[in-house]
Amino acid sequence: MSLFSIKHLTVATCLLIGSAPGGLAFAEEPAAPAACNVDAHGVALGGYDPVAYFPEAGNTPRVGRPELAIPYRGATYYFADQDNFDRFLRNPDKYVPAHHGYCAFGTSIGETFDIDPEAFLVEDGRLYVFLRNDEVDARSLWIESDGEARAKAQAMTGGSDDTPDDDRTTHRAATGGTLGAAGYDLVAYFPEGGSTPRPGLARYAVVYRGITYRFASDEHRRLFEQDPLRYLPRFGGWCAFGISVDAELAIDPTSFVVMDDRLYLFFQNEDTDARALFLEDPASACAVAEDKWHAQHGE
């Protein structure tokens, strides 16, 4: 047994008997860990900005802002500024932390320890975060192992640094509730409805696949009921550009495209226009989004 193996087993024993503060002592039968290391609100990295750890964004931990948030593969990430938000949006898999955001050294010994979001390494383009307290500095142990901990962690996760599984639900309301298209009339986006976004009315509502859709008139409601698949927004109502980069982005219901007789909705704020990004190469963005959506939902 190598020196590293002896050391990491000793550290694991200390952690498991509860010598490390912060609620790491396990019951005799610990509950299965969450798929991603998130807090009670689903936020990863203790609210720190995942992009800020990388050289192009300063290589320094920074707390993110809740108003700049992106839900991605089972976790919500906050960003410190719009530049980092946009970097993540364009290439999210580059920035999500390895090993589901749990302590990388913990993964090497088969455990899911929490982290100090300011204890990190960026190695070979991946972000690793670590447990750190008064008694244990898992980052130092990782470095001292000279690659052995990383190899063990990869072996524990099937030979990769892994990212969380995608848990998107087909036709889930992108508003986070059961009201589809943020309450806007789906028929109104199409030529027969005027090609102009309009809020729907509660008295002209239809529940379809568990989602409530509102319409501006009884005529629009009847058109939807006759052929709902024609009017449903593609990709479950999520931002079409977001799906092309594996990010669930809520939509601005006034930002849309009807292309090849299908409705696509988009994220938009003062700094980011996902519709414009999509339209830079709509055929390619749509094809990528279709492939990703089909892989997850078979539709």
Protein backbone atom coordinates (compact mmCIF):
# COMPACT_ATOMS: atom_id res chain seq x y z
CA MET A 1 0.00 0.00 0.00
CA SER A 2 1.42 3.40 -1.02
CA LEU A 3 2.07 6.23 1.41
CA PHE A 4 -0.82 8.09 -0.18
CA SER A 5 -3.18 5.14 0.28
CA ILE A 6 -2.30 4.91 3.99
CA LYS A 7 -2.76 8.64 4.41
CA HIS A 8 -6.07 8.87 2.60
CA LEU A 9 -7.51 5.95 4.56
CA THR A 10 -6.44 7.63 7.80
CA VAL A 11 -8.06 10.91 6.76
CA ALA A 12 -11.23 9.10 5.70
CA THR A 13 -11.46 7.43 9.09
CA CYS A 14 -11.11 10.79 10.86
CA LEU A 15 -13.80 12.31 8.71
CA LEU A 16 -16.21 9.44 9.10
CA ILE A 17 -16.04 9.42 12.89
CA GLY A 18 -16.95 13.08 12.87
CA SER A 19 -13.71 14.83 13.79
CA ALA A 20 -14.27 17.34 11.01
CA PRO A 21 -16.74 20.10 11.86
CA GLY A 22 -19.63 21.16 9.66
CA GLY A 23 -22.00 18.23 9.98
CA LEU A 24 -19.79 15.62 8.34
CA ALA A 25 -20.29 12.93 10.98
CA PHE A 26 -22.33 10.14 9.41
CA ALA A 27 -25.06 8.11 11.00
CA GLU A 28 -24.59 4.34 11.06
CA GLU A 29 -26.71 4.15 7.90
CA PRO A 30 -26.12 7.40 6.00
CA ALA A 31 -28.70 8.58 3.51
CA ALA A 32 -27.72 8.40 -0.15
CA PRO A 33 -26.07 11.66 -1.24
CA ALA A 34 -27.87 14.04 -3.56
CA ALA A 35 -27.00 13.77 -7.25
CA CYS A 36 -25.41 17.24 -7.05
CA ASN A 37 -23.82 19.03 -4.13
CA VAL A 38 -26.37 21.84 -3.70
CA ASP A 39 -27.90 23.69 -0.78
CA ALA A 40 -31.55 23.63 0.29
CA HIS A 41 -32.37 26.04 -2.55
CA GLY A 42 -30.62 23.94 -5.21
CA VAL A 43 -27.64 26.31 -5.48
CA ALA A 44 -24.22 24.81 -6.19
CA LEU A 45 -20.77 25.91 -4.94
CA GLY A 46 -22.23 27.79 -2.00
CA GLY A 47 -23.38 30.47 -4.43
CA TYR A 48 -19.89 31.03 -5.84
CA ASP A 49 -19.41 31.75 -9.53
CA PRO A 50 -18.05 28.61 -11.31
CA VAL A 51 -16.49 30.65 -14.13
CA ALA A 52 -14.52 32.90 -11.75
CA TYR A 53 -12.21 30.01 -10.85
CA PHE A 54 -10.80 29.86 -14.39
CA PRO A 55 -7.87 31.91 -15.77
CA GLU A 56 -10.00 33.80 -18.31
CA ALA A 57 -12.17 35.15 -15.48
CA GLY A 58 -9.45 35.93 -12.92
CA ASN A 59 -8.72 32.52 -11.34
CA THR A 60 -10.13 33.86 -8.03
CA PRO A 61 -13.26 32.66 -6.18
CA ARG A 62 -16.09 35.19 -6.30
CA VAL A 63 -19.58 35.05 -4.85
CA GLY A 64 -22.25 35.07 -7.54
CA ARG A 65 -25.44 37.12 -7.73
CA PRO A 66 -28.88 35.45 -7.53
CA GLU A 67 -30.18 37.71 -10.30
CA LEU A 68 -27.57 36.14 -12.61
CA ALA A 69 -28.53 32.48 -12.27
CA ILE A 70 -28.58 29.53 -14.67
CA PRO A 71 -30.14 26.14 -13.79
CA TYR A 72 -28.04 23.41 -15.35
CA ARG A 73 -28.26 19.63 -14.95
CA GLY A 74 -29.79 19.50 -11.52
CA ALA A 75 -28.05 22.53 -9.96
CA THR A 76 -28.37 26.30 -10.10
CA TYR A 77 -25.23 28.38 -10.59
CA TYR A 78 -24.83 32.05 -9.69
CA PHE A 79 -22.50 34.40 -11.57
CA ALA A 80 -20.62 37.45 -10.38
CA ASP A 81 -21.04 39.43 -13.60
CA GLN A 82 -22.61 39.30 -17.02
CA ASP A 83 -19.37 38.28 -18.76
CA ASN A 84 -19.13 35.12 -16.67
CA PHE A 85 -22.85 34.44 -17.18
CA ASP A 86 -22.29 34.62 -20.95
CA ARG A 87 -19.15 32.44 -20.80
CA PHE A 88 -21.08 29.72 -18.99
CA LEU A 89 -24.02 30.00 -21.36
CA ARG A 90 -21.76 29.37 -24.34
CA ASN A 91 -19.90 26.37 -22.85
CA PRO A 92 -21.42 25.14 -19.57
CA ASP A 93 -19.68 21.77 -19.49
CA LYS A 94 -16.33 23.53 -19.30
CA TYR A 95 -17.21 25.27 -16.05
CA VAL A 96 -19.32 22.88 -13.97
CA PRO A 97 -17.23 21.40 -11.14
CA ALA A 98 -16.03 17.82 -11.43
CA HIS A 99 -17.55 15.07 -9.31
CA HIS A 100 -20.95 16.74 -8.99
CA GLY A 101 -19.46 19.58 -6.96
CA TYR A 102 -18.44 17.36 -4.04
CA CYS A 103 -14.94 17.32 -2.61
CA ALA A 104 -12.74 15.72 -5.28
CA PHE A 105 -10.50 14.11 -2.68
CA GLY A 106 -13.57 12.66 -0.97
CA THR A 107 -14.57 11.07 -4.27
CA SER A 108 -11.17 9.37 -4.41
CA ILE A 109 -12.03 7.48 -1.20
CA GLY A 110 -15.62 6.80 -2.17
CA GLU A 111 -17.23 9.53 -0.06
CA THR A 112 -19.23 12.69 -0.81
CA PHE A 113 -17.83 15.40 1.45
CA ASP A 114 -19.01 18.98 1.40
CA ILE A 115 -16.65 21.74 0.31
CA ASP A 116 -15.11 25.07 1.14
CA PRO A 117 -15.83 26.93 -2.13
CA GLU A 118 -12.55 28.82 -1.79
CA ALA A 119 -10.50 25.59 -1.75
CA PHE A 120 -10.11 24.70 -5.41
CA LEU A 121 -7.86 23.71 -8.29
CA VAL A 122 -8.24 24.04 -12.03
CA GLU A 123 -6.38 21.13 -13.61
CA ASP A 124 -6.41 20.27 -17.31
CA GLY A 125 -9.35 22.58 -17.82
CA ARG A 126 -11.57 21.09 -15.07
CA LEU A 127 -12.64 22.64 -11.79
CA TYR A 128 -12.08 20.60 -8.61
CA VAL A 129 -13.33 21.80 -5.22
CA PHE A 130 -12.37 20.49 -1.78
CA LEU A 131 -13.18 20.07 1.88
CA ARG A 132 -11.18 22.40 4.10
CA ASN A 133 -11.45 23.07 7.82
CA ASP A 134 -9.19 23.42 10.87
CA GLU A 135 -8.21 19.74 10.77
CA VAL A 136 -8.33 18.67 7.13
CA ASP A 137 -7.06 20.33 3.96
CA ALA A 138 -8.23 17.96 1.25
CA ARG A 139 -6.75 20.13 -1.49
CA SER A 140 -3.26 19.63 -0.06
CA LEU A 141 -3.83 15.88 0.16
CA TRP A 142 -4.94 15.87 -3.47
CA ILE A 143 -1.77 17.71 -4.54
CA GLU A 144 0.50 15.51 -2.39
CA SER A 145 -0.90 12.39 -4.04
CA ASP A 146 0.80 13.41 -7.33
CA GLY A 147 -2.11 12.26 -9.49
CA GLU A 148 -3.05 9.15 -7.52
CA ALA A 149 -6.11 10.76 -5.93
CA ARG A 150 -7.32 11.97 -9.29
CA ALA A 151 -6.93 8.52 -10.81
CA LYS A 152 -8.81 6.97 -7.89
CA ALA A 153 -11.58 9.56 -8.17
CA GLN A 154 -11.93 8.85 -11.87
CA ALA A 155 -12.06 5.13 -11.19
CA MET A 156 -14.86 5.73 -8.71
CA THR A 157 -16.88 7.52 -11.39
CA GLY A 158 -16.31 5.18 -14.30
CA GLY A 159 -13.09 6.63 -15.62
CA SER A 160 -14.16 10.26 -15.97
CA ASP A 161 -14.46 13.43 -13.94
CA ASP A 162 -18.21 13.24 -14.65
CA THR A 163 -20.97 15.83 -14.67
CA PRO A 164 -24.47 15.45 -13.22
CA ASP A 165 -27.22 13.76 -15.18
CA ASP A 166 -29.80 15.96 -16.88
CA ASP A 167 -33.20 15.77 -15.23
CA ARG A 168 -35.29 17.94 -17.55
CA THR A 169 -38.93 16.92 -17.68
CA THR A 170 -40.74 16.95 -21.00
CA HIS A 171 -43.20 19.84 -21.35
CA ARG A 172 -42.34 21.13 -17.89
CA ALA A 173 -43.36 24.80 -17.53
CA ALA A 174 -40.31 27.00 -17.96
CA THR A 175 -41.72 29.44 -15.42
CA GLY A 176 -41.01 26.88 -12.68
CA GLY A 177 -44.72 26.21 -12.09
CA THR A 178 -47.59 24.78 -14.11
CA LEU A 179 -48.32 27.84 -16.28
CA GLY A 180 -46.86 27.38 -19.74
CA ALA A 181 -45.25 30.11 -21.86
CA ALA A 182 -45.47 32.50 -18.89
CA GLY A 183 -49.21 32.76 -19.50
CA TYR A 184 -48.91 33.94 -23.09
CA ASP A 185 -51.25 32.81 -25.88
CA LEU A 186 -49.48 30.17 -27.98
CA VAL A 187 -51.70 30.70 -31.02
CA ALA A 188 -50.92 34.42 -31.06
CA TYR A 189 -47.32 33.69 -32.10
CA PHE A 190 -48.52 32.15 -35.39
CA PRO A 191 -49.81 33.93 -38.51
CA GLU A 192 -53.41 32.87 -37.86
CA GLY A 193 -53.14 34.45 -34.42
CA GLY A 194 -51.54 37.69 -35.58
CA SER A 195 -47.82 36.80 -35.14
CA THR A 196 -47.70 39.08 -32.08
CA PRO A 197 -47.16 37.86 -28.48
CA ARG A 198 -50.23 38.43 -26.29
CA PRO A 199 -50.94 37.42 -22.68
CA GLY A 200 -53.69 34.86 -22.34
CA LEU A 201 -56.70 35.07 -20.06
CA ALA A 202 -57.52 32.65 -17.24
CA ARG A 203 -61.07 32.15 -18.56
CA TYR A 204 -59.64 30.74 -21.82
CA ALA A 205 -57.34 28.13 -20.31
CA VAL A 206 -56.53 24.57 -21.38
CA VAL A 207 -54.59 21.98 -19.37
CA TYR A 208 -52.43 19.87 -21.63
CA ARG A 209 -49.91 17.29 -20.36
CA GLY A 210 -50.12 18.79 -16.89
CA ILE A 211 -49.35 22.35 -18.02
CA THR A 212 -51.94 25.16 -18.11
CA TYR A 213 -51.96 27.28 -21.27
CA ARG A 214 -53.95 30.49 -21.50
CA PHE A 215 -55.37 32.05 -24.64
CA ALA A 216 -56.52 35.55 -25.51
CA SER A 217 -59.81 34.42 -27.03
CA ASP A 218 -62.13 31.43 -27.22
CA GLU A 219 -61.22 31.11 -30.91
CA HIS A 220 -57.54 30.70 -30.06
CA ARG A 221 -58.35 28.18 -27.39
CA ARG A 222 -60.37 26.12 -29.89
CA LEU A 223 -57.56 26.25 -32.46
CA PHE A 224 -55.15 24.89 -29.84
CA GLU A 225 -57.54 22.11 -28.80
CA GLN A 226 -57.90 21.03 -32.42
CA ASP A 227 -54.14 20.64 -32.94
CA PRO A 228 -52.09 21.21 -29.75
CA LEU A 229 -48.85 19.79 -31.17
CA ARG A 230 -48.84 22.50 -33.84
CA TYR A 231 -48.77 25.26 -31.23
CA LEU A 232 -46.70 23.85 -28.39
CA PRO A 233 -43.33 25.56 -28.05
CA ARG A 234 -40.43 23.31 -28.92
CA PHE A 235 -38.18 21.94 -26.16
CA GLY A 236 -40.85 21.98 -23.49
CA GLY A 237 -41.04 25.77 -23.52
CA TRP A 238 -37.44 26.28 -22.42
CA CYS A 239 -35.15 28.72 -24.22
CA ALA A 240 -34.25 27.05 -27.52
CA PHE A 241 -30.70 28.40 -27.51
CA GLY A 242 -30.26 27.24 -23.90
CA ILE A 243 -31.17 23.68 -24.86
CA SER A 244 -28.49 23.76 -27.57
CA VAL A 245 -25.89 24.35 -24.83
CA ASP A 246 -27.51 22.02 -22.25
CA ALA A 247 -28.84 24.87 -20.09
CA GLU A 248 -32.41 25.25 -18.85
CA LEU A 249 -33.10 28.96 -19.27
CA ALA A 250 -36.46 30.50 -18.49
CA ILE A 251 -37.97 32.54 -21.29
CA ASP A 252 -39.05 36.06 -22.04
CA PRO A 253 -42.40 35.29 -23.72
CA THR A 254 -42.00 38.26 -26.05
CA SER A 255 -38.78 36.83 -27.52
CA PHE A 256 -39.68 34.20 -30.10
CA VAL A 257 -39.22 32.76 -33.57
CA VAL A 258 -41.68 30.74 -35.64
CA MET A 259 -39.48 28.69 -37.96
CA ASP A 260 -40.60 25.81 -40.16
CA ASP A 261 -44.01 26.13 -38.50
CA ARG A 262 -42.61 25.51 -35.02
CA LEU A 263 -42.52 27.95 -32.10
CA TYR A 264 -39.21 28.64 -30.35
CA LEU A 265 -39.00 30.82 -27.23
CA PHE A 266 -35.91 32.50 -25.81
CA PHE A 267 -34.22 33.91 -22.73
CA GLN A 268 -33.65 37.65 -22.82
CA ASN A 269 -32.50 40.37 -20.42
CA GLU A 270 -30.70 43.71 -20.72
CA ASP A 271 -27.38 42.03 -21.46
CA THR A 272 -28.17 38.71 -23.15
CA ASP A 273 -30.33 38.10 -26.20
CA ALA A 274 -30.49 34.33 -26.69
CA ARG A 275 -32.72 34.79 -29.73
CA ALA A 276 -29.96 36.74 -31.48
CA LEU A 277 -27.42 34.05 -30.57
CA PHE A 278 -29.77 31.39 -31.97
CA LEU A 279 -30.31 33.33 -35.19
CA GLU A 280 -26.55 33.64 -35.85
CA ASP A 281 -26.80 30.08 -37.19
CA PRO A 282 -30.38 28.86 -36.65
CA ALA A 283 -30.05 25.64 -38.61
CA SER A 284 -27.01 24.52 -36.61
CA ALA A 285 -28.39 25.67 -33.23
CA CYS A 286 -31.70 23.97 -33.91
CA ALA A 287 -30.06 20.73 -35.02
CA VAL A 288 -27.87 20.59 -31.91
CA ALA A 289 -30.83 21.38 -29.65
CA GLU A 290 -32.96 18.71 -31.36
CA ASP A 291 -30.25 16.09 -30.87
CA LYS A 292 -29.82 16.96 -27.19
CA TRP A 293 -33.56 17.03 -26.52
CA HIS A 294 -34.16 13.75 -28.36
CA ALA A 295 -31.35 12.06 -26.41
CA GLN A 296 -33.06 13.01 -23.15
CA HIS A 297 -36.72 12.61 -24.10
CA GLY A 298 -36.94 10.55 -27.29
CA GLU A 299 -39.06 13.15 -29.03
